[in-house]
C-alpha atoms as a PDB file:
ATOM      1  CA  UNK A   1     -17.710 -18.459  -7.057  1.00  0.00           C
ATOM      2  CA  UNK A   2     -15.440 -19.895  -4.757  1.00  0.00           C
ATOM      3  CA  UNK A   3     -15.372 -17.719  -1.619  1.00  0.00           C
ATOM      4  CA  UNK A   4     -11.963 -18.369   0.269  1.00  0.00           C
ATOM      5  CA  UNK A   5     -10.285 -17.077   3.509  1.00  0.00           C
ATOM      6  CA  UNK A   6     -13.482 -15.464   4.883  1.00  0.00           C
ATOM      7  CA  UNK A   7     -15.336 -14.083   2.107  1.00  0.00           C
ATOM      8  CA  UNK A   8     -18.598 -13.818   2.993  1.00  0.00           C
ATOM      9  CA  UNK A   9     -21.856 -12.364   0.856  1.00  0.00           C
ATOM     10  CA  UNK A  10     -23.405  -9.206   2.953  1.00  0.00           C
ATOM     11  CA  UNK A  11     -27.205  -9.793   3.482  1.00  0.00           C
ATOM     12  CA  UNK A  12     -29.476  -7.654   2.263  1.00  0.00           C
ATOM     13  CA  UNK A  13     -30.006  -4.306   4.083  1.00  0.00           C
ATOM     14  CA  UNK A  14     -33.782  -4.089   5.040  1.00  0.00           C
ATOM     15  CA  UNK A  15     -33.701  -0.747   4.820  1.00  0.00           C
ATOM     16  CA  UNK A  16     -32.018   0.001   1.325  1.00  0.00           C
ATOM     17  CA  UNK A  17     -30.209   2.645   2.876  1.00  0.00           C
ATOM     18  CA  UNK A  18     -26.762   3.863   1.305  1.00  0.00           C
ATOM     19  CA  UNK A  19     -24.380   0.616   1.637  1.00  0.00           C
ATOM     20  CA  UNK A  20     -27.775  -1.804   0.894  1.00  0.00           C
ATOM     21  CA  UNK A  21     -27.876  -4.257  -1.186  1.00  0.00           C
ATOM     22  CA  UNK A  22     -31.289  -3.520  -3.013  1.00  0.00           C
ATOM     23  CA  UNK A  23     -31.909  -2.082  -6.643  1.00  0.00           C
ATOM     24  CA  UNK A  24     -32.202   1.676  -6.385  1.00  0.00           C
ATOM     25  CA  UNK A  25     -35.553   3.388  -7.751  1.00  0.00           C
ATOM     26  CA  UNK A  26     -36.389   6.032  -8.540  1.00  0.00           C
ATOM     27  CA  UNK A  27     -40.084   8.278  -7.426  1.00  0.00           C
ATOM     28  CA  UNK A  28     -42.113   6.001  -9.653  1.00  0.00           C
ATOM     29  CA  UNK A  29     -40.818   2.645  -8.692  1.00  0.00           C
ATOM     30  CA  UNK A  30     -38.227   2.768 -12.176  1.00  0.00           C
ATOM     31  CA  UNK A  31     -34.968   1.166 -11.205  1.00  0.00           C
ATOM     32  CA  UNK A  32     -32.001   3.432 -11.749  1.00  0.00           C
ATOM     33  CA  UNK A  33     -29.247   1.165 -10.470  1.00  0.00           C
ATOM     34  CA  UNK A  34     -29.668  -2.329 -10.657  1.00  0.00           C
ATOM     35  CA  UNK A  35     -28.067  -4.257  -7.757  1.00  0.00           C
ATOM     36  CA  UNK A  36     -25.293  -6.452  -9.125  1.00  0.00           C
ATOM     37  CA  UNK A  37     -23.325  -8.070  -6.177  1.00  0.00           C
ATOM     38  CA  UNK A  38     -21.893  -7.202  -2.881  1.00  0.00           C
ATOM     39  CA  UNK A  39     -18.973  -9.084  -0.765  1.00  0.00           C
ATOM     40  CA  UNK A  40     -17.003  -8.733   2.324  1.00  0.00           C
ATOM     41  CA  UNK A  41     -13.112  -9.656   2.069  1.00  0.00           C
ATOM     42  CA  UNK A  42     -11.276 -10.511   4.854  1.00  0.00           C
ATOM     43  CA  UNK A  43      -8.694  -6.975   5.262  1.00  0.00           C
ATOM     44  CA  UNK A  44      -5.506  -8.618   3.967  1.00  0.00           C
ATOM     45  CA  UNK A  45      -3.325  -8.351   0.972  1.00  0.00           C
ATOM     46  CA  UNK A  46      -3.427 -11.649  -0.224  1.00  0.00           C
ATOM     47  CA  UNK A  47      -7.383 -11.166  -0.567  1.00  0.00           C
ATOM     48  CA  UNK A  48      -6.607  -8.161  -3.312  1.00  0.00           C
ATOM     49  CA  UNK A  49      -6.738 -11.260  -5.939  1.00  0.00           C
ATOM     50  CA  UNK A  50     -10.131 -12.701  -4.949  1.00  0.00           C
ATOM     51  CA  UNK A  51     -11.335  -8.698  -5.290  1.00  0.00           C
ATOM     52  CA  UNK A  52     -10.165  -8.987  -9.070  1.00  0.00           C
ATOM     53  CA  UNK A  53     -11.880 -12.316  -9.747  1.00  0.00           C
ATOM     54  CA  UNK A  54     -14.848 -10.921  -7.811  1.00  0.00           C
ATOM     55  CA  UNK A  55     -15.204  -7.936  -9.568  1.00  0.00           C
ATOM     56  CA  UNK A  56     -14.772  -9.610 -12.923  1.00  0.00           C
ATOM     57  CA  UNK A  57     -17.055 -12.336 -12.679  1.00  0.00           C
ATOM     58  CA  UNK A  58     -19.888  -9.654 -11.574  1.00  0.00           C
ATOM     59  CA  UNK A  59     -19.141  -7.842 -14.812  1.00  0.00           C
ATOM     60  CA  UNK A  60     -19.465 -10.892 -16.756  1.00  0.00           C
ATOM     61  CA  UNK A  61     -22.584 -12.440 -15.494  1.00  0.00           C
ATOM     62  CA  UNK A  62     -24.072  -8.739 -16.261  1.00  0.00           C
ATOM     63  CA  UNK A  63     -22.820  -8.754 -19.805  1.00  0.00           C
ATOM     64  CA  UNK A  64     -20.361  -5.928 -18.713  1.00  0.00           C
ATOM     65  CA  UNK A  65     -16.976  -7.420 -20.046  1.00  0.00           C
ATOM     66  CA  UNK A  66     -15.810  -4.006 -21.721  1.00  0.00           C
ATOM     67  CA  UNK A  67     -15.861  -2.516 -18.430  1.00  0.00           C
ATOM     68  CA  UNK A  68     -14.424  -5.116 -16.083  1.00  0.00           C
ATOM     69  CA  UNK A  69     -10.813  -4.049 -16.921  1.00  0.00           C
ATOM     70  CA  UNK A  70     -10.908  -0.572 -15.541  1.00  0.00           C
ATOM     71  CA  UNK A  71     -13.624  -1.577 -12.816  1.00  0.00           C
ATOM     72  CA  UNK A  72     -11.071  -4.349 -11.653  1.00  0.00           C
ATOM     73  CA  UNK A  73      -8.043  -2.113 -11.587  1.00  0.00           C
ATOM     74  CA  UNK A  74     -10.296   0.634  -9.335  1.00  0.00           C
ATOM     75  CA  UNK A  75     -11.608  -1.249  -6.710  1.00  0.00           C
ATOM     76  CA  UNK A  76      -8.369  -3.280  -6.095  1.00  0.00           C
ATOM     77  CA  UNK A  77      -6.695   0.120  -5.542  1.00  0.00           C
ATOM     78  CA  UNK A  78      -9.853   0.820  -3.480  1.00  0.00           C
ATOM     79  CA  UNK A  79      -9.457  -1.944  -1.173  1.00  0.00           C
ATOM     80  CA  UNK A  80      -5.295  -1.835  -1.015  1.00  0.00           C
ATOM     81  CA  UNK A  81      -5.821   1.337   0.143  1.00  0.00           C
ATOM     82  CA  UNK A  82      -8.482   0.305   2.406  1.00  0.00           C
ATOM     83  CA  UNK A  83      -6.267  -2.460   4.076  1.00  0.00           C
ATOM     84  CA  UNK A  84      -3.394   0.187   3.913  1.00  0.00           C
ATOM     85  CA  UNK A  85      -4.858   3.206   5.436  1.00  0.00           C
ATOM     86  CA  UNK A  86      -7.723   2.102   7.515  1.00  0.00           C
ATOM     87  CA  UNK A  87      -8.617  -0.316  10.369  1.00  0.00           C
ATOM     88  CA  UNK A  88      -9.721  -2.813   7.737  1.00  0.00           C
ATOM     89  CA  UNK A  89      -6.201  -3.596   7.165  1.00  0.00           C
ATOM     90  CA  UNK A  90      -6.155  -4.651  11.295  1.00  0.00           C
ATOM     91  CA  UNK A  91      -6.616  -8.054  12.769  1.00  0.00           C
ATOM     92  CA  UNK A  92     -10.103  -9.128  11.918  1.00  0.00           C
ATOM     93  CA  UNK A  93     -10.835  -6.146  10.081  1.00  0.00           C
ATOM     94  CA  UNK A  94     -12.985  -6.386   6.659  1.00  0.00           C
ATOM     95  CA  UNK A  95     -13.620  -4.837   3.974  1.00  0.00           C
ATOM     96  CA  UNK A  96     -16.793  -4.767   1.963  1.00  0.00           C
ATOM     97  CA  UNK A  97     -17.023  -4.231  -2.287  1.00  0.00           C
ATOM     98  CA  UNK A  98     -20.375  -3.352  -3.615  1.00  0.00           C
ATOM     99  CA  UNK A  99     -21.403  -3.069  -7.397  1.00  0.00           C
ATOM    100  CA  UNK A 100     -24.044  -1.446  -9.284  1.00  0.00           C
ATOM    101  CA  UNK A 101     -25.503  -1.171 -12.781  1.00  0.00           C
ATOM    102  CA  UNK A 102     -26.478   2.050 -13.880  1.00  0.00           C
ATOM    103  CA  UNK A 103     -27.860   3.346 -17.501  1.00  0.00           C
ATOM    104  CA  UNK A 104     -24.557   4.423 -18.773  1.00  0.00           C
ATOM    105  CA  UNK A 105     -21.908   3.774 -16.045  1.00  0.00           C
ATOM    106  CA  UNK A 106     -20.871   1.098 -13.508  1.00  0.00           C
ATOM    107  CA  UNK A 107     -21.107   2.029  -9.712  1.00  0.00           C
ATOM    108  CA  UNK A 108     -18.473   0.542  -7.497  1.00  0.00           C
ATOM    109  CA  UNK A 109     -18.556   1.184  -3.745  1.00  0.00           C
ATOM    110  CA  UNK A 110     -15.781  -0.021  -1.230  1.00  0.00           C
ATOM    111  CA  UNK A 111     -16.400   0.354   2.384  1.00  0.00           C
ATOM    112  CA  UNK A 112     -13.631   0.099   4.935  1.00  0.00           C
ATOM    113  CA  UNK A 113     -13.875   0.159   8.471  1.00  0.00           C
ATOM    114  CA  UNK A 114     -12.565   3.650   9.682  1.00  0.00           C
ATOM    115  CA  UNK A 115      -9.367   4.921  10.824  1.00  0.00           C
ATOM    116  CA  UNK A 116      -7.469   7.930  11.984  1.00  0.00           C
ATOM    117  CA  UNK A 117      -6.854   8.943   7.544  1.00  0.00           C
ATOM    118  CA  UNK A 118      -9.887   7.566   6.394  1.00  0.00           C
ATOM    119  CA  UNK A 119     -10.728   9.819   4.067  1.00  0.00           C
ATOM    120  CA  UNK A 120      -8.915   9.064   0.599  1.00  0.00           C
ATOM    121  CA  UNK A 121      -7.124  11.766  -1.006  1.00  0.00           C
ATOM    122  CA  UNK A 122      -4.248  11.865  -3.846  1.00  0.00           C
ATOM    123  CA  UNK A 123      -0.938  12.907  -2.608  1.00  0.00           C
ATOM    124  CA  UNK A 124       0.548  14.823  -4.883  1.00  0.00           C
ATOM    125  CA  UNK A 125       2.858  13.090  -8.156  1.00  0.00           C
ATOM    126  CA  UNK A 126       3.882   9.626  -7.973  1.00  0.00           C
ATOM    127  CA  UNK A 127       7.673   9.388  -6.487  1.00  0.00           C
ATOM    128  CA  UNK A 128       8.783   7.575 -10.134  1.00  0.00           C
ATOM    129  CA  UNK A 129       8.177   5.596 -12.523  1.00  0.00           C
ATOM    130  CA  UNK A 130       9.243   2.069 -10.747  1.00  0.00           C
ATOM    131  CA  UNK A 131       7.437   3.003  -7.110  1.00  0.00           C
ATOM    132  CA  UNK A 132       5.210   0.092  -6.328  1.00  0.00           C
ATOM    133  CA  UNK A 133       2.733   2.307  -4.532  1.00  0.00           C
ATOM    134  CA  UNK A 134       1.420   6.460  -4.708  1.00  0.00           C
ATOM    135  CA  UNK A 135      -0.365   5.799  -8.041  1.00  0.00           C
ATOM    136  CA  UNK A 136      -3.527   4.472  -6.616  1.00  0.00           C
ATOM    137  CA  UNK A 137      -5.631   7.929  -6.631  1.00  0.00           C
ATOM    138  CA  UNK A 138      -4.485   9.077  -9.643  1.00  0.00           C
ATOM    139  CA  UNK A 139      -5.303   5.451 -11.699  1.00  0.00           C
ATOM    140  CA  UNK A 140      -9.255   6.829  -9.915  1.00  0.00           C
ATOM    141  CA  UNK A 141      -8.674   9.846 -11.097  1.00  0.00           C
ATOM    142  CA  UNK A 142      -7.702   9.230 -14.602  1.00  0.00           C
ATOM    143  CA  UNK A 143      -9.641   6.306 -15.306  1.00  0.00           C
ATOM    144  CA  UNK A 144     -13.298   7.009 -13.143  1.00  0.00           C
ATOM    145  CA  UNK A 145     -15.857   8.977 -14.518  1.00  0.00           C
ATOM    146  CA  UNK A 146     -16.654  10.402 -11.391  1.00  0.00           C
ATOM    147  CA  UNK A 147     -15.131   9.625  -7.582  1.00  0.00           C
ATOM    148  CA  UNK A 148     -15.803  10.049  -4.132  1.00  0.00           C
ATOM    149  CA  UNK A 149     -16.445   9.426  -0.654  1.00  0.00           C
ATOM    150  CA  UNK A 150     -19.121   9.554   1.782  1.00  0.00           C
ATOM    151  CA  UNK A 151     -18.868   9.182   5.659  1.00  0.00           C
ATOM    152  CA  UNK A 152     -20.178   5.807   6.705  1.00  0.00           C
ATOM    153  CA  UNK A 153     -20.793   4.750  10.632  1.00  0.00           C
ATOM    154  CA  UNK A 154     -17.236   4.492  11.897  1.00  0.00           C
ATOM    155  CA  UNK A 155     -15.941   3.832   7.873  1.00  0.00           C
ATOM    156  CA  UNK A 156     -16.092   5.438   4.686  1.00  0.00           C
ATOM    157  CA  UNK A 157     -17.702   4.450   1.325  1.00  0.00           C
ATOM    158  CA  UNK A 158     -15.262   5.292  -1.291  1.00  0.00           C
ATOM    159  CA  UNK A 159     -16.981   5.012  -4.904  1.00  0.00           C
ATOM    160  CA  UNK A 160     -16.640   5.497  -8.181  1.00  0.00           C
ATOM    161  CA  UNK A 161     -17.924   4.909 -11.752  1.00  0.00           C
ATOM    162  CA  UNK A 162     -16.928   3.911 -15.057  1.00  0.00           C
ATOM    163  CA  UNK A 163     -18.821   4.649 -18.058  1.00  0.00           C
ATOM    164  CA  UNK A 164     -20.510   1.509 -19.572  1.00  0.00           C
ATOM    165  CA  UNK A 165     -20.052   0.559 -23.458  1.00  0.00           C
END
């Protein structure tokens, strides 16, 4: 994969905390979530197509082509929101995208750098059928099996799952 415009893979988190890059295991050591990949993108709108490419390439390698479309769309919506509404979109800002495969779902996590209004929340109904914005979290609510947010340092970890076929 070509990483352009400063995109960088994360190094593994040696502690395995949320946001880490290791397979997650249960108390017996069995893998409950298979780590698929993590990359950090510069917080710029022109990086969003690279997010789509990254998610698709990881899911193709993991033989999860059936969920790739929804996962790509929702990841791009989350990254776009992080760029628009948090410090991730500022000068030198970054946003991280991480994927895990579970037995029945794919989990995607987006970590932003926080800001005044860092916790995502849908805003009523989209203004019109031709509006170019205002639908992101409505799409997530419609297509994700579940989604949520967690505080993570100064930022927010937004996550969603999509069913695996």
